[in-house]
Amino acid sequence: MRIFGFIPARYDSVRFPGKPIARIAGKPMIQHVYECALSCPEFSEVWVATDDKRISESVSAFGGRSVITDKSHRSGTDRIREAAIKLGLENEDLVVNIQGDQPIFNPSIISLLVKPLLENTQIQMTTLKYRITDENDIQNPNHVKVVTDRNGFALYFSRSPIPYFRDVNSTRIFYKHLGLYGFRMEFLKQYTKLSEGDLEYIEKLEQLRALEHGFKIKVLESPFDSIEVDVPEDILKIEEAIG
C-alpha cells in the first residue's frame, strides 16, 4: 500500500480565474502547495491533477509532476480519480486530496488525516475540522462549517453557521471544515460514480454526496488552521502569514 498526494487545480475559477498560478511571494500558488505536500513523509508521490496546460507548464517549470485531466469534472475529487487511474493506482492505495488554494497548510495534518485509514480498514474516507476562533468566519459562506457525532463522523457540512444555538447563554463552538480528504482508492472510484445529491447541488459541497448516499466520513480535529485563497484579495493574507 502506498499513499499518494493529489492537488486538483483548474484554471477557470469563477471568482478567481487562473488562481493556481497566481503569484504569492514570487512563486505561483500551486508551487507553495506542492512544496508543502512534498514535506509530508507519508507520501510516496505528489501530483497535480489539472485541466489546463498553463498550470501543467507552471508545475513542470518548478520541477513538479502533473497529469492533464478532462475539463468537465464536477469536483476536484472527480479530477483526482481520473488522474489516479491514469497513474495505475491499486485499490489498496490511499489517496489524499490536497486543496490547491491552501498554500501554507501545516504538513503534520496529513499524518492526522491518514491515521484512521491506516488503523481501521472499515474507514473509507477522512477529512479535517478546525475550531473557529474568528467570529467573522462563522458567517462567511466561503468557510464551510461541520458538525459530527460522538464518534467523530460527519453529520452535516454547510456554508451556513451550524449548529444553531437557541440558548443565547450557551458556549458557542463552531468548527470550520478544512477541505483535505483521505480516501481508499477502491472507495474513491465508487464515490465518484455516485449521482449528485440534492444537498450537494444546493450547497455546492461535494462531500455531501457521500453523506446523502449513506457513507460515513471520519472527521479529525486539526490543531492548525489552513488559510484559503478564495479571491485575489486573500493573497495578501498569505503573504503576511509567510512574513
Protein backbone atom coordinates (compact mmCIF):
# COMPACT_ATOMS: atom_id res chain seq x y z
CA MET A 1 0.00 0.00 0.00
CA ARG A 2 1.22 3.45 -0.97
CA ILE A 3 -0.04 6.94 -0.15
CA PHE A 4 -0.38 9.46 -2.97
CA GLY A 5 -0.94 13.19 -2.65
CA PHE A 6 -3.01 14.84 -5.39
CA ILE A 7 -3.60 18.56 -5.83
CA PRO A 8 -6.59 19.29 -8.10
CA ALA A 9 -6.13 22.56 -9.98
CA ARG A 10 -8.43 24.08 -12.58
CA TYR A 11 -7.85 27.33 -14.41
CA ASP A 12 -11.38 28.65 -14.92
CA SER A 13 -12.37 29.55 -11.37
CA VAL A 14 -15.42 31.83 -11.39
CA ARG A 15 -14.21 34.05 -8.54
CA PHE A 16 -10.52 33.93 -9.40
CA PRO A 17 -9.55 32.77 -12.93
CA GLY A 18 -6.01 31.42 -13.09
CA LYS A 19 -5.84 31.11 -9.31
CA PRO A 20 -3.36 28.16 -9.19
CA ILE A 21 -0.69 30.17 -10.99
CA ALA A 22 -1.31 33.48 -9.20
CA ARG A 23 1.94 34.74 -7.70
CA ILE A 24 2.40 34.63 -3.94
CA ALA A 25 5.71 35.93 -2.59
CA GLY A 26 7.29 35.47 -6.00
CA LYS A 27 6.08 31.91 -6.68
CA PRO A 28 2.88 30.51 -8.22
CA MET A 29 0.40 29.38 -5.59
CA ILE A 30 0.45 25.81 -6.87
CA GLN A 31 4.18 25.66 -6.12
CA HIS A 32 3.61 26.63 -2.49
CA VAL A 33 1.03 23.86 -2.13
CA TYR A 34 3.23 21.33 -3.91
CA GLU A 35 6.25 22.10 -1.72
CA CYS A 36 4.16 21.73 1.44
CA ALA A 37 2.95 18.36 0.17
CA LEU A 38 6.49 17.19 -0.62
CA SER A 39 7.45 17.77 3.01
CA CYS A 40 4.89 15.17 4.15
CA PRO A 41 6.81 11.93 4.83
CA GLU A 42 3.72 9.78 4.25
CA PHE A 43 3.55 10.45 0.52
CA SER A 44 5.10 8.09 -1.98
CA GLU A 45 4.39 10.60 -4.75
CA VAL A 46 2.77 14.01 -5.19
CA TRP A 47 0.92 15.01 -8.37
CA VAL A 48 -1.05 17.99 -9.64
CA ALA A 49 -4.25 16.99 -11.44
CA THR A 50 -5.15 19.84 -13.79
CA ASP A 51 -7.32 20.61 -16.80
CA ASP A 52 -5.06 23.31 -18.26
CA LYS A 53 -1.67 23.29 -19.97
CA ARG A 54 -0.76 26.65 -18.43
CA ILE A 55 -0.93 25.09 -14.98
CA SER A 56 0.88 21.95 -16.15
CA GLU A 57 3.67 24.06 -17.65
CA SER A 58 3.97 26.05 -14.44
CA VAL A 59 4.31 22.81 -12.45
CA SER A 60 6.96 21.49 -14.82
CA ALA A 61 8.88 24.79 -14.53
CA PHE A 62 9.47 24.28 -10.82
CA GLY A 63 10.20 20.55 -11.20
CA GLY A 64 6.82 19.17 -10.18
CA ARG A 65 4.72 16.42 -11.73
CA SER A 66 1.27 16.84 -13.22
CA VAL A 67 -1.46 14.90 -15.01
CA ILE A 68 -3.75 16.52 -17.57
CA THR A 69 -7.41 15.65 -16.93
CA ASP A 70 -10.74 16.36 -18.59
CA LYS A 71 -12.26 19.82 -18.17
CA SER A 72 -15.77 18.51 -17.47
CA HIS A 73 -15.25 17.18 -13.94
CA ARG A 74 -17.82 18.38 -11.41
CA SER A 75 -15.39 18.42 -8.48
CA GLY A 76 -11.74 18.20 -7.57
CA THR A 77 -12.25 14.67 -6.30
CA ASP A 78 -13.58 13.56 -9.68
CA ARG A 79 -10.49 15.08 -11.29
CA ILE A 80 -8.24 13.18 -8.88
CA ARG A 81 -9.96 9.89 -9.67
CA GLU A 82 -9.12 10.27 -13.36
CA ALA A 83 -5.50 11.13 -12.54
CA ALA A 84 -5.16 8.24 -10.10
CA ILE A 85 -6.49 5.74 -12.64
CA LYS A 86 -4.14 7.11 -15.32
CA LEU A 87 -1.23 6.57 -12.95
CA GLY A 88 -2.28 3.00 -12.23
CA LEU A 89 -3.00 3.20 -8.51
CA GLU A 90 -4.06 -0.06 -6.85
CA ASN A 91 -7.31 -0.46 -4.89
CA GLU A 92 -5.43 -0.72 -1.59
CA ASP A 93 -3.53 2.53 -2.14
CA LEU A 94 -4.52 5.66 -0.22
CA VAL A 95 -5.29 8.93 -1.98
CA VAL A 96 -5.12 12.35 -0.32
CA ASN A 97 -6.93 15.28 -1.91
CA ILE A 98 -4.93 18.43 -1.10
CA GLN A 99 -6.72 21.68 -1.80
CA GLY A 100 -4.82 23.78 -4.31
CA ASP A 101 -5.94 27.02 -2.67
CA GLN A 102 -4.38 26.31 0.75
CA PRO A 103 -0.75 27.23 0.03
CA ILE A 104 0.66 27.18 3.58
CA PHE A 105 -1.02 24.20 5.23
CA ASN A 106 0.93 22.54 8.04
CA PRO A 107 2.30 19.22 6.69
CA SER A 108 1.62 17.44 10.00
CA ILE A 109 -2.12 17.48 9.31
CA ILE A 110 -1.57 14.86 6.61
CA SER A 111 -0.43 12.42 9.31
CA LEU A 112 -3.64 13.16 11.20
CA LEU A 113 -5.73 12.69 8.07
CA VAL A 114 -4.38 9.28 7.05
CA LYS A 115 -4.02 7.73 10.51
CA PRO A 116 -7.61 6.37 10.72
CA LEU A 117 -7.26 4.83 7.25
CA LEU A 118 -4.08 3.07 8.32
CA GLU A 119 -5.52 1.83 11.60
CA ASN A 120 -9.08 0.85 10.64
CA THR A 121 -9.92 -0.83 7.35
CA GLN A 122 -13.61 -0.04 7.84
CA ILE A 123 -12.99 3.69 7.41
CA GLN A 124 -13.17 4.69 3.75
CA MET A 125 -12.95 8.49 3.82
CA THR A 126 -11.50 11.09 6.17
CA THR A 127 -11.33 14.87 6.44
CA LEU A 128 -10.41 17.62 8.93
CA LYS A 129 -12.00 20.32 11.04
CA TYR A 130 -10.63 23.30 12.97
CA ARG A 131 -12.29 25.12 15.85
CA ILE A 132 -13.24 28.61 14.68
CA THR A 133 -11.64 31.43 16.63
CA ASP A 134 -12.57 34.33 14.35
CA GLU A 135 -16.24 35.32 14.62
CA ASN A 136 -16.19 36.57 11.03
CA ASP A 137 -15.56 33.02 9.81
CA ILE A 138 -18.84 31.82 11.30
CA GLN A 139 -20.95 33.92 8.95
CA ASN A 140 -18.63 33.64 5.95
CA PRO A 141 -20.13 31.17 3.43
CA ASN A 142 -16.67 30.53 1.98
CA HIS A 143 -15.74 28.89 5.29
CA VAL A 144 -17.72 25.67 5.43
CA LYS A 145 -18.89 24.52 8.85
CA VAL A 146 -19.19 20.91 10.01
CA VAL A 147 -20.93 19.05 12.83
CA THR A 148 -20.08 15.49 13.89
CA ASP A 149 -21.47 12.69 16.01
CA ARG A 150 -19.89 11.46 19.25
CA ASN A 151 -17.61 9.11 17.34
CA GLY A 152 -16.23 11.85 15.12
CA PHE A 153 -18.20 11.05 11.98
CA ALA A 154 -19.74 13.89 9.98
CA LEU A 155 -23.43 14.62 10.40
CA TYR A 156 -23.53 17.59 8.03
CA PHE A 157 -21.48 20.24 6.27
CA SER A 158 -22.91 23.67 5.48
CA ARG A 159 -21.97 27.14 4.33
CA SER A 160 -24.38 28.39 6.98
CA PRO A 161 -23.50 28.53 10.69
CA ILE A 162 -24.25 25.13 12.25
CA PRO A 163 -25.37 24.23 14.84
CA TYR A 164 -27.92 26.90 15.72
CA PHE A 165 -27.56 27.96 19.35
CA ARG A 166 -31.11 28.57 20.57
CA ASP A 167 -29.90 29.34 24.10
CA VAL A 168 -28.03 32.64 23.80
CA ASN A 169 -26.16 31.86 27.03
CA SER A 170 -24.64 28.67 25.60
CA THR A 171 -20.94 28.44 24.89
CA ARG A 172 -20.86 28.85 21.11
CA ILE A 173 -18.49 26.40 19.42
CA PHE A 174 -18.21 26.13 15.65
CA TYR A 175 -15.87 24.07 13.53
CA LYS A 176 -14.58 25.01 10.12
CA HIS A 177 -14.10 22.26 7.57
CA LEU A 178 -10.59 22.08 6.18
CA GLY A 179 -11.09 20.69 2.71
CA LEU A 180 -8.45 17.97 2.62
CA TYR A 181 -9.67 14.39 2.15
CA GLY A 182 -8.24 10.93 2.54
CA PHE A 183 -9.68 8.03 0.51
CA ARG A 184 -9.06 4.39 -0.09
CA MET A 185 -8.60 4.13 -3.84
CA GLU A 186 -11.29 1.47 -4.09
CA PHE A 187 -13.79 3.76 -2.36
CA LEU A 188 -12.70 6.79 -4.39
CA LYS A 189 -13.73 5.00 -7.58
CA GLN A 190 -17.08 4.09 -6.03
CA TYR A 191 -17.69 7.55 -4.59
CA THR A 192 -17.11 9.39 -7.85
CA LYS A 193 -19.63 7.20 -9.65
CA LEU A 194 -22.42 8.24 -7.27
CA SER A 195 -25.10 10.57 -8.59
CA GLU A 196 -25.02 14.16 -7.43
CA GLY A 197 -27.15 14.67 -4.35
CA ASP A 198 -29.72 17.40 -3.82
CA LEU A 199 -27.85 18.84 -0.85
CA GLU A 200 -24.56 18.73 -2.76
CA TYR A 201 -26.20 20.72 -5.56
CA ILE A 202 -27.77 23.25 -3.19
CA GLU A 203 -24.71 23.89 -1.02
CA LYS A 204 -22.15 23.23 -3.77
CA LEU A 205 -20.24 20.94 -1.39
CA GLU A 206 -19.01 17.70 -2.93
CA GLN A 207 -18.58 15.89 0.42
CA LEU A 208 -22.35 15.93 0.95
CA ARG A 209 -22.58 13.42 -1.89
CA ALA A 210 -21.09 10.76 0.37
CA LEU A 211 -23.44 11.56 3.27
CA GLU A 212 -26.53 11.62 1.07
CA HIS A 213 -25.69 8.15 -0.20
CA GLY A 214 -25.23 6.81 3.33
CA PHE A 215 -21.43 6.68 3.57
CA LYS A 216 -19.54 7.85 6.64
CA ILE A 217 -16.77 10.44 6.73
CA LYS A 218 -14.38 10.37 9.67
CA VAL A 219 -13.56 13.92 10.79
CA LEU A 220 -10.35 14.65 12.71
CA GLU A 221 -9.76 17.87 14.63
CA SER A 222 -6.70 19.70 13.41
CA PRO A 223 -4.65 21.85 15.81
CA PHE A 224 -3.75 24.03 12.82
CA ASP A 225 -5.89 26.23 10.60
CA SER A 226 -5.23 26.42 6.88
CA ILE A 227 -5.74 29.79 5.18
CA GLU A 228 -7.60 29.57 1.88
CA VAL A 229 -7.33 31.78 -1.19
CA ASP A 230 -10.87 32.35 -2.46
CA VAL A 231 -10.46 35.75 -4.12
CA PRO A 232 -7.43 37.82 -5.22
CA GLU A 233 -7.58 39.89 -2.02
CA ASP A 234 -6.74 36.77 0.02
CA ILE A 235 -3.22 36.66 -1.41
CA LEU A 236 -2.18 39.50 0.88
CA LYS A 237 -3.23 37.45 3.91
CA ILE A 238 -1.00 34.59 2.77
CA GLU A 239 1.95 36.87 2.15
CA GLU A 240 1.52 38.43 5.59
CA ALA A 241 1.43 34.96 7.16
CA ILE A 242 4.57 33.95 5.29
CA GLY A 243 6.24 37.12 6.55
